[in-house]
Amino acid sequence: MPHVIFVAPNFPANQRRFVRGLKNVGARVTGLGDTKPEHLDPEICSLLDGYEYVPAIGNEAAMIDAVTRIQRRGPWVDRLEATVEAHVLCTARVREATRIPGTPYDVANLCRDKFVMKQELRKRGIPCARNAAVSRASDAVAFVAEVGYPVILKPRDGAGAAATYRIDNAAELEAALRETGLTERERFFTMEEFVLGHEGYFDTLTVDGEVVFEAITHYYPNVLQAMRDRSVSPQMVATNRIDAPGYGELRHFGRQVVRELGLNTSATHMEWFVGPKGLVFSEIGARPPGCNWWDTYCAANDFDLYTAWARAVVWGRVEESASRRYAAGLVALRPNQDGTIAGYSGVDQVQARYGNMIFKLHLPPVGHRTQPVEAGYLANAYVAVRHPDYDVVRSVLDDIGQTLKVWAR
């Protein structure tokens, strides 16, 4: 029976789906996390064959000690896996220190450090926005002088749109540098030219360098606007038209990036833009997408992607296949203001119109504290739907966003 150590098995909540997938393919699973054993819930306890506590997952020395203890106890450890962006780099370092197979540190680091990532891919002919490492305010000012506005400022090791700024003028540059602390001390940021165009992501599961599952999701509107504008009910929509001729270039492009970075057996999540400059690479992670988005792929394709991933990392093959029967998407619903949830309107209308299409409906209870807009797509209320026709999914999400309102006080 293969033995897998899985990092952070109980948080975020969807982590247990990866553990269940590992159990589905016959693996023995030892959890490694910063939740004390007595605080693990019964469900995750029932899925784990063992558990090792560490005070902090990012503490490399503590992680190495914990993995070494597991190895000493046995049985032989075949894999050490992490699926959360913040855990990938440390896990790769621990994996190499303890001689466990998996994604090497150098590959994980390329996928974590946005500056190095783009520098490397640009050398290999992948079109990327011009960028520069920024550790102090003077670096940012020099880059803007060379490239001009607009530009993007973001952490080199960040995920999603967290702490990301679009800067259109000198006043916004000054404010961003102040808020990030770059005017006071050295920080770990990158700055790049702003790329005009439509934004989306290309996700894969690879085995020995071969893509065995791929999916394409679109953002409406682009992420930065979605994370800044309360009036927008942003959407993410996964297409089931992936074989259409218009996606051929993107699929080839995404596979090329995966191959160039040496992502051999891994989940991958690649962000892209397409616009006046053509198809442009944004960034890639050696991990699944956030927002529990694999749940959407499962619902759209009539299969269990978590089990497919587990079979890939444990046995080096995948038996599951995607049906492509549905397009599927999610609309995030923002409260009218920050505070606490006072109530909802339009829920009955939405359920009456689209109840048979809805596979997720999340409405935080009245009295629940709201989360700020920049907290992400799942921060407050949201609805996910599926339908065989992509255009129908888009129109339904538009209607839900206009009909279902979240009121706060």
Protein backbone atom coordinates (compact mmCIF):
# COMPACT_ATOMS: atom_id res chain seq x y z
CA MET A 1 0.00 0.00 0.00
CA PRO A 2 1.60 3.33 -1.05
CA HIS A 3 2.14 5.77 1.83
CA VAL A 4 1.48 9.49 1.19
CA ILE A 5 2.10 12.39 3.57
CA PHE A 6 -0.44 15.11 2.84
CA VAL A 7 0.17 18.65 4.08
CA ALA A 8 -2.69 20.55 5.80
CA PRO A 9 -5.36 17.85 5.43
CA ASN A 10 -8.16 19.69 7.22
CA PHE A 11 -7.84 23.37 6.20
CA PRO A 12 -9.00 24.86 3.90
CA ALA A 13 -12.15 22.75 4.00
CA ASN A 14 -11.76 21.25 0.51
CA GLN A 15 -8.39 19.72 1.49
CA ARG A 16 -10.16 16.62 2.76
CA ARG A 17 -11.33 15.93 -0.81
CA PHE A 18 -7.71 15.32 -1.78
CA VAL A 19 -7.32 13.01 1.22
CA ARG A 20 -10.48 11.13 0.24
CA GLY A 21 -9.14 10.81 -3.30
CA LEU A 22 -5.94 9.28 -1.95
CA LYS A 23 -7.94 6.78 0.08
CA ASN A 24 -10.06 5.99 -3.00
CA VAL A 25 -6.96 4.81 -4.87
CA GLY A 26 -5.71 2.64 -2.03
CA ALA A 27 -3.14 4.90 -0.37
CA ARG A 28 -2.20 5.06 3.28
CA VAL A 29 -2.38 8.75 4.26
CA THR A 30 -0.56 10.52 7.08
CA GLY A 31 -1.61 14.11 7.63
CA LEU A 32 0.91 16.83 8.46
CA GLY A 33 -0.53 20.08 9.76
CA ASP A 34 -0.57 22.92 12.25
CA THR A 35 -3.94 21.94 13.77
CA LYS A 36 -3.49 20.11 17.05
CA PRO A 37 -4.70 16.50 16.84
CA GLU A 38 -7.42 17.01 19.44
CA HIS A 39 -8.97 19.72 17.26
CA LEU A 40 -9.35 17.57 14.14
CA ASP A 41 -12.98 16.83 13.31
CA PRO A 42 -14.34 13.26 13.11
CA GLU A 43 -14.56 13.21 9.30
CA ILE A 44 -10.90 14.03 8.68
CA CYS A 45 -9.86 11.66 11.49
CA SER A 46 -11.74 8.85 9.77
CA LEU A 47 -9.83 9.49 6.53
CA LEU A 48 -6.32 9.67 7.99
CA ASP A 49 -4.18 6.68 8.94
CA GLY A 50 -1.90 8.90 10.99
CA TYR A 51 -1.21 12.53 11.82
CA GLU A 52 1.82 14.59 12.75
CA TYR A 53 1.53 18.06 14.27
CA VAL A 54 3.85 20.98 13.46
CA PRO A 55 3.53 24.45 15.04
CA ALA A 56 3.77 26.14 11.62
CA ILE A 57 3.62 24.58 8.15
CA GLY A 58 6.07 27.15 6.80
CA ASN A 59 8.73 26.22 9.37
CA GLU A 60 11.10 24.17 7.23
CA ALA A 61 13.12 22.69 10.11
CA ALA A 62 9.97 21.63 11.98
CA MET A 63 8.54 20.11 8.79
CA ILE A 64 11.74 18.13 8.15
CA ASP A 65 11.72 16.84 11.74
CA ALA A 66 8.07 15.79 11.44
CA VAL A 67 8.56 14.01 8.11
CA THR A 68 11.65 12.26 9.47
CA ARG A 69 9.62 11.00 12.44
CA ILE A 70 6.99 9.62 10.07
CA GLN A 71 9.69 7.93 7.98
CA ARG A 72 11.22 6.32 11.06
CA ARG A 73 7.85 4.94 12.15
CA GLY A 74 7.12 3.63 8.69
CA PRO A 75 5.85 2.30 6.48
CA TRP A 76 8.03 3.64 3.66
CA VAL A 77 6.90 7.09 2.50
CA ASP A 78 6.27 7.22 -1.27
CA ARG A 79 5.01 10.79 -1.71
CA LEU A 80 4.83 14.11 0.14
CA GLU A 81 2.13 16.34 -1.36
CA ALA A 82 0.83 19.89 -0.81
CA THR A 83 -1.95 21.58 -2.80
CA VAL A 84 -2.08 25.04 -1.15
CA GLU A 85 0.03 27.75 -2.84
CA ALA A 86 1.62 28.94 0.42
CA HIS A 87 2.78 25.40 1.25
CA VAL A 88 4.23 24.32 -2.10
CA LEU A 89 7.73 25.81 -1.81
CA CYS A 90 8.45 24.68 1.75
CA THR A 91 7.09 21.22 0.96
CA ALA A 92 9.40 20.94 -2.06
CA ARG A 93 12.41 21.84 0.14
CA VAL A 94 11.35 19.26 2.77
CA ARG A 95 10.77 16.67 0.04
CA GLU A 96 14.33 17.05 -1.21
CA ALA A 97 15.81 17.04 2.30
CA THR A 98 14.04 13.76 3.11
CA ARG A 99 14.58 12.17 -0.34
CA ILE A 100 10.91 11.77 -1.22
CA PRO A 101 9.95 11.88 -4.94
CA GLY A 102 7.89 14.76 -6.31
CA THR A 103 8.15 18.26 -7.80
CA PRO A 104 11.75 19.49 -7.26
CA TYR A 105 12.46 22.68 -5.32
CA ASP A 106 13.87 24.46 -8.38
CA VAL A 107 10.64 23.85 -10.30
CA ALA A 108 8.47 24.85 -7.36
CA ASN A 109 10.50 28.03 -6.93
CA LEU A 110 10.06 28.95 -10.61
CA CYS A 111 6.31 28.64 -10.10
CA ARG A 112 6.33 30.69 -6.89
CA ASP A 113 8.62 33.62 -7.76
CA LYS A 114 6.78 35.61 -10.42
CA PHE A 115 9.84 37.59 -11.48
CA VAL A 116 12.11 34.58 -11.99
CA MET A 117 9.26 32.66 -13.62
CA LYS A 118 8.71 35.26 -16.34
CA GLN A 119 12.41 35.87 -16.88
CA GLU A 120 12.91 32.15 -17.48
CA LEU A 121 9.92 31.73 -19.78
CA ARG A 122 10.79 34.85 -21.77
CA LYS A 123 14.18 33.29 -22.53
CA ARG A 124 12.34 30.27 -23.90
CA GLY A 125 10.15 32.28 -26.25
CA ILE A 126 6.97 32.50 -24.15
CA PRO A 127 5.35 35.96 -24.54
CA CYS A 128 5.15 37.70 -21.14
CA ALA A 129 4.59 41.26 -19.98
CA ARG A 130 7.83 43.20 -19.32
CA ASN A 131 8.64 43.03 -15.63
CA ALA A 132 11.26 43.84 -13.03
CA ALA A 133 12.13 42.88 -9.48
CA VAL A 134 11.16 45.65 -7.06
CA SER A 135 12.61 45.72 -3.56
CA ARG A 136 12.43 49.47 -2.87
CA ALA A 137 10.52 52.51 -4.08
CA SER A 138 13.33 53.67 -6.35
CA ASP A 139 13.13 50.38 -8.33
CA ALA A 140 9.44 50.99 -9.01
CA VAL A 141 10.01 54.59 -10.07
CA ALA A 142 12.77 53.51 -12.47
CA PHE A 143 10.57 50.81 -14.04
CA VAL A 144 7.70 53.26 -14.63
CA ALA A 145 10.13 55.73 -16.20
CA GLU A 146 11.15 53.00 -18.66
CA VAL A 147 7.78 51.36 -19.40
CA GLY A 148 5.20 54.06 -18.63
CA TYR A 149 1.72 53.69 -17.13
CA PRO A 150 -0.32 51.61 -16.46
CA VAL A 151 1.68 49.05 -14.48
CA ILE A 152 0.96 46.28 -12.00
CA LEU A 153 2.68 45.96 -8.61
CA LYS A 154 2.36 42.66 -6.75
CA PRO A 155 4.24 40.35 -4.36
CA ARG A 156 6.74 38.08 -6.10
CA ASP A 157 5.43 35.09 -4.15
CA GLY A 158 1.76 36.08 -3.93
CA ALA A 159 -1.34 34.20 -5.07
CA GLY A 160 -4.32 35.61 -6.95
CA ALA A 161 -4.93 39.35 -6.67
CA ALA A 162 -3.83 39.66 -3.03
CA ALA A 163 -1.86 42.88 -2.43
CA THR A 164 -1.92 43.58 -6.18
CA TYR A 165 -2.20 47.15 -7.47
CA ARG A 166 -2.98 48.56 -10.88
CA ILE A 167 -1.22 51.92 -11.08
CA ASP A 168 -2.25 54.52 -13.68
CA ASN A 169 -0.49 57.69 -12.53
CA ALA A 170 2.09 59.17 -10.17
CA ALA A 171 -0.39 59.69 -7.33
CA GLU A 172 -1.46 56.03 -7.42
CA LEU A 173 2.20 54.95 -7.56
CA GLU A 174 2.98 56.99 -4.45
CA ALA A 175 -0.03 55.54 -2.61
CA ALA A 176 0.83 51.94 -3.58
CA LEU A 177 4.46 52.31 -2.52
CA ARG A 178 3.34 53.73 0.81
CA GLU A 179 0.74 51.00 1.43
CA THR A 180 3.15 48.19 0.57
CA GLY A 181 5.90 49.65 2.77
CA LEU A 182 8.33 49.95 -0.14
CA THR A 183 9.03 53.58 0.83
CA GLU A 184 10.28 52.46 4.25
CA ARG A 185 12.07 49.12 3.83
CA GLU A 186 13.02 46.48 1.31
CA ARG A 187 10.20 44.17 0.25
CA PHE A 188 9.79 41.22 -2.15
CA PHE A 189 7.70 42.63 -5.04
CA THR A 190 7.58 42.60 -8.82
CA MET A 191 6.31 45.25 -11.21
CA GLU A 192 5.13 44.65 -14.76
CA GLU A 193 3.47 46.42 -17.64
CA PHE A 194 -0.31 46.21 -17.59
CA VAL A 195 -1.58 43.89 -20.32
CA LEU A 196 -4.85 44.86 -21.99
CA GLY A 197 -7.20 42.04 -22.86
CA HIS A 198 -9.51 39.32 -21.62
CA GLU A 199 -8.27 37.18 -18.73
CA GLY A 200 -8.72 33.53 -17.87
CA TYR A 201 -6.92 30.43 -16.70
CA PHE A 202 -5.77 27.09 -18.09
CA ASP A 203 -5.67 24.22 -15.59
CA THR A 204 -4.10 20.81 -16.07
CA LEU A 205 -3.30 17.56 -14.39
CA THR A 206 -0.07 16.10 -15.77
CA VAL A 207 1.50 12.66 -15.45
CA ASP A 208 5.15 12.23 -16.46
CA GLY A 209 4.94 15.49 -18.39
CA GLU A 210 1.81 14.52 -20.34
CA VAL A 211 -1.42 16.48 -19.84
CA VAL A 212 -4.14 13.99 -18.87
CA PHE A 213 -6.79 16.59 -17.97
CA GLU A 214 -7.15 20.20 -19.09
CA ALA A 215 -9.75 22.89 -18.52
CA ILE A 216 -10.23 26.52 -19.51
CA THR A 217 -12.01 29.09 -17.35
CA HIS A 218 -12.86 32.72 -18.16
CA TYR A 219 -13.07 35.73 -15.84
CA TYR A 220 -15.88 38.29 -16.26
CA PRO A 221 -14.65 40.98 -15.66
CA ASN A 222 -10.88 40.66 -15.17
CA VAL A 223 -9.65 39.93 -11.66
CA LEU A 224 -8.36 43.34 -10.66
CA GLN A 225 -11.66 45.02 -11.45
CA ALA A 226 -13.58 42.20 -9.78
CA MET A 227 -11.53 42.57 -6.58
CA ARG A 228 -11.93 46.35 -6.39
CA ASP A 229 -15.48 47.18 -7.53
CA ARG A 230 -18.31 46.38 -5.12
CA SER A 231 -20.95 47.08 -7.77
CA VAL A 232 -19.70 44.15 -9.89
CA SER A 233 -21.01 40.61 -9.40
CA PRO A 234 -17.98 38.86 -10.92
CA GLN A 235 -18.10 35.50 -12.64
CA MET A 236 -15.78 32.62 -13.41
CA VAL A 237 -17.04 30.30 -16.15
CA ALA A 238 -15.47 27.01 -17.28
CA THR A 239 -16.13 26.18 -20.91
CA ASN A 240 -17.09 22.76 -22.27
CA ARG A 241 -16.16 23.90 -25.79
CA ILE A 242 -12.49 23.18 -25.24
CA ASP A 243 -12.20 21.38 -28.58
CA ALA A 244 -13.40 24.43 -30.50
CA PRO A 245 -10.78 25.77 -32.97
CA GLY A 246 -10.48 29.08 -31.09
CA TYR A 247 -8.95 27.32 -28.08
CA GLY A 248 -6.27 25.47 -30.03
CA GLU A 249 -3.61 28.14 -29.58
CA LEU A 250 -4.28 28.44 -25.85
CA ARG A 251 -4.09 24.69 -25.30
CA HIS A 252 -0.81 24.47 -27.19
CA PHE A 253 0.51 27.52 -25.33
CA GLY A 254 -0.46 26.13 -21.91
CA ARG A 255 1.12 22.76 -22.60
CA GLN A 256 4.30 24.48 -23.75
CA VAL A 257 4.54 26.41 -20.47
CA VAL A 258 3.97 23.24 -18.43
CA ARG A 259 6.66 21.45 -20.44
CA GLU A 260 9.19 24.29 -20.27
CA LEU A 261 8.89 24.52 -16.50
CA GLY A 262 9.31 20.79 -15.98
CA LEU A 263 5.96 20.21 -14.27
CA ASN A 264 5.97 16.44 -14.71
CA THR A 265 3.36 14.96 -12.34
CA SER A 266 1.37 17.79 -10.84
CA ALA A 267 -1.75 19.88 -10.87
CA THR A 268 -1.11 23.22 -12.60
CA HIS A 269 -2.95 26.55 -12.69
CA MET A 270 -1.93 29.05 -15.39
CA GLU A 271 -3.32 32.58 -15.79
CA TRP A 272 -3.36 34.16 -19.27
CA PHE A 273 -4.46 37.26 -21.16
CA VAL A 274 -5.49 37.64 -24.79
CA GLY A 275 -5.77 41.06 -26.43
CA PRO A 276 -4.02 43.46 -28.81
CA LYS A 277 -0.64 41.78 -28.15
CA GLY A 278 -2.08 38.31 -28.71
CA LEU A 279 -1.90 35.55 -26.15
CA VAL A 280 0.28 36.52 -23.17
CA PHE A 281 1.41 34.44 -20.19
CA SER A 282 0.61 35.86 -16.75
CA GLU A 283 1.70 33.28 -14.13
CA ILE A 284 1.49 29.61 -13.20
CA GLY A 285 1.26 27.64 -9.97
CA ALA A 286 2.30 24.03 -9.34
CA ARG A 287 -1.05 23.41 -7.66
CA PRO A 288 -4.81 23.29 -8.31
CA PRO A 289 -6.75 26.56 -8.71
CA GLY A 290 -8.23 28.28 -5.66
CA CYS A 291 -11.91 28.89 -4.85
CA ASN A 292 -12.54 25.12 -4.61
CA TRP A 293 -12.66 25.30 -8.42
CA TRP A 294 -11.98 21.61 -8.87
CA ASP A 295 -15.51 21.07 -7.46
CA THR A 296 -16.76 22.96 -10.52
CA TYR A 297 -14.74 20.78 -12.88
CA CYS A 298 -16.15 17.69 -11.16
CA ALA A 299 -19.73 18.95 -11.55
CA ALA A 300 -19.16 19.93 -15.19
CA ASN A 301 -17.48 16.69 -16.22
CA ASP A 302 -19.26 13.91 -14.30
CA PHE A 303 -16.07 12.66 -12.66
CA ASP A 304 -13.96 12.96 -9.53
CA LEU A 305 -10.89 15.06 -10.32
CA TYR A 306 -9.57 14.65 -6.77
CA THR A 307 -9.40 10.88 -7.26
CA ALA A 308 -7.82 11.36 -10.70
CA TRP A 309 -5.14 13.54 -9.08
CA ALA A 310 -4.57 10.93 -6.38
CA ARG A 311 -4.20 8.15 -8.93
CA ALA A 312 -1.71 10.31 -10.85
CA VAL A 313 0.56 10.99 -7.87
CA VAL A 314 0.28 7.50 -6.34
CA TRP A 315 0.19 5.20 -9.37
CA GLY A 316 1.45 7.41 -12.20
CA ARG A 317 -1.65 7.04 -14.32
CA VAL A 318 -5.23 8.31 -14.61
CA GLU A 319 -8.29 6.19 -15.40
CA GLU A 320 -10.96 8.87 -14.99
CA SER A 321 -12.04 10.92 -18.01
CA ALA A 322 -13.90 14.22 -18.40
CA SER A 323 -17.31 14.08 -20.08
CA ARG A 324 -17.36 17.80 -21.07
CA ARG A 325 -21.13 17.53 -20.73
CA TYR A 326 -21.59 20.87 -19.01
CA ALA A 327 -20.23 24.37 -18.95
CA ALA A 328 -20.22 25.60 -15.36
CA GLY A 329 -19.70 28.87 -13.59
CA LEU A 330 -19.99 30.88 -10.40
CA VAL A 331 -21.20 34.39 -9.67
CA ALA A 332 -20.00 36.15 -6.51
CA LEU A 333 -22.61 38.32 -4.79
CA ARG A 334 -21.37 41.32 -2.85
CA PRO A 335 -23.18 42.89 0.13
CA ASN A 336 -24.26 46.47 -0.53
CA GLN A 337 -21.89 47.57 2.27
CA ASP A 338 -19.54 46.15 4.88
CA GLY A 339 -21.08 45.19 8.22
CA THR A 340 -23.35 42.24 9.03
CA ILE A 341 -25.82 40.40 6.79
CA ALA A 342 -29.31 41.86 7.21
CA GLY A 343 -31.09 39.74 4.60
CA TYR A 344 -31.51 38.77 0.96
CA SER A 345 -33.89 39.54 -1.87
CA GLY A 346 -34.49 37.59 -5.06
CA VAL A 347 -33.59 34.17 -3.64
CA ASP A 348 -37.00 32.61 -4.39
CA GLN A 349 -37.00 34.00 -7.94
CA VAL A 350 -33.53 32.60 -8.65
CA GLN A 351 -34.39 29.18 -7.25
CA ALA A 352 -37.66 29.06 -9.20
CA ARG A 353 -35.96 29.95 -12.48
CA TYR A 354 -32.76 27.96 -12.18
CA GLY A 355 -33.09 25.46 -9.34
CA ASN A 356 -32.31 22.47 -11.56
CA MET A 357 -29.09 24.15 -12.77
CA ILE A 358 -27.76 25.27 -9.38
CA PHE A 359 -25.22 22.94 -7.76
CA LYS A 360 -23.94 25.37 -5.11
CA LEU A 361 -25.84 28.10 -3.29
CA HIS A 362 -24.00 29.78 -0.43
CA LEU A 363 -25.88 32.43 1.54
CA PRO A 364 -24.25 33.34 4.88
CA PRO A 365 -26.84 33.60 7.67
CA VAL A 366 -28.38 36.86 8.84
CA GLY A 367 -26.07 38.43 11.42
CA HIS A 368 -22.96 36.97 9.80
CA ARG A 369 -20.12 39.45 9.43
CA THR A 370 -19.43 40.44 5.82
CA GLN A 371 -16.01 40.15 4.21
CA PRO A 372 -14.39 42.94 2.16
CA VAL A 373 -14.65 42.82 -1.63
CA GLU A 374 -10.94 42.10 -2.02
CA ALA A 375 -11.30 38.91 0.06
CA GLY A 376 -12.27 37.01 -3.09
CA TYR A 377 -15.01 35.23 -4.98
CA LEU A 378 -16.09 32.98 -2.09
CA ALA A 379 -15.84 35.63 0.63
CA ASN A 380 -19.58 36.29 0.87
CA ALA A 381 -22.57 34.86 -1.01
CA TYR A 382 -22.19 32.97 -4.29
CA VAL A 383 -24.14 30.73 -6.67
CA ALA A 384 -22.73 28.07 -9.02
CA VAL A 385 -24.66 26.65 -11.99
CA ARG A 386 -24.11 24.22 -14.87
CA HIS A 387 -25.76 23.69 -18.26
CA PRO A 388 -24.73 22.01 -21.53
CA ASP A 389 -24.65 25.40 -23.30
CA TYR A 390 -21.89 27.84 -22.28
CA ASP A 391 -23.93 30.85 -23.43
CA VAL A 392 -26.84 29.78 -21.26
CA VAL A 393 -24.54 29.59 -18.22
CA ARG A 394 -23.33 33.12 -18.92
CA SER A 395 -26.85 34.54 -19.25
CA VAL A 396 -28.07 32.72 -16.14
CA LEU A 397 -25.17 34.04 -14.06
CA ASP A 398 -25.86 37.55 -15.38
CA ASP A 399 -29.49 37.26 -14.30
CA ILE A 400 -28.62 35.86 -10.87
CA GLY A 401 -26.16 38.70 -10.32
CA GLN A 402 -28.87 41.25 -11.13
CA THR A 403 -31.70 39.50 -9.23
CA LEU A 404 -30.22 38.11 -6.00
CA LYS A 405 -29.18 40.95 -3.67
CA VAL A 406 -27.25 40.77 -0.40
CA TRP A 407 -28.20 43.47 2.13
CA ALA A 408 -25.98 44.45 5.03
CA ARG A 409 -26.24 46.88 7.90
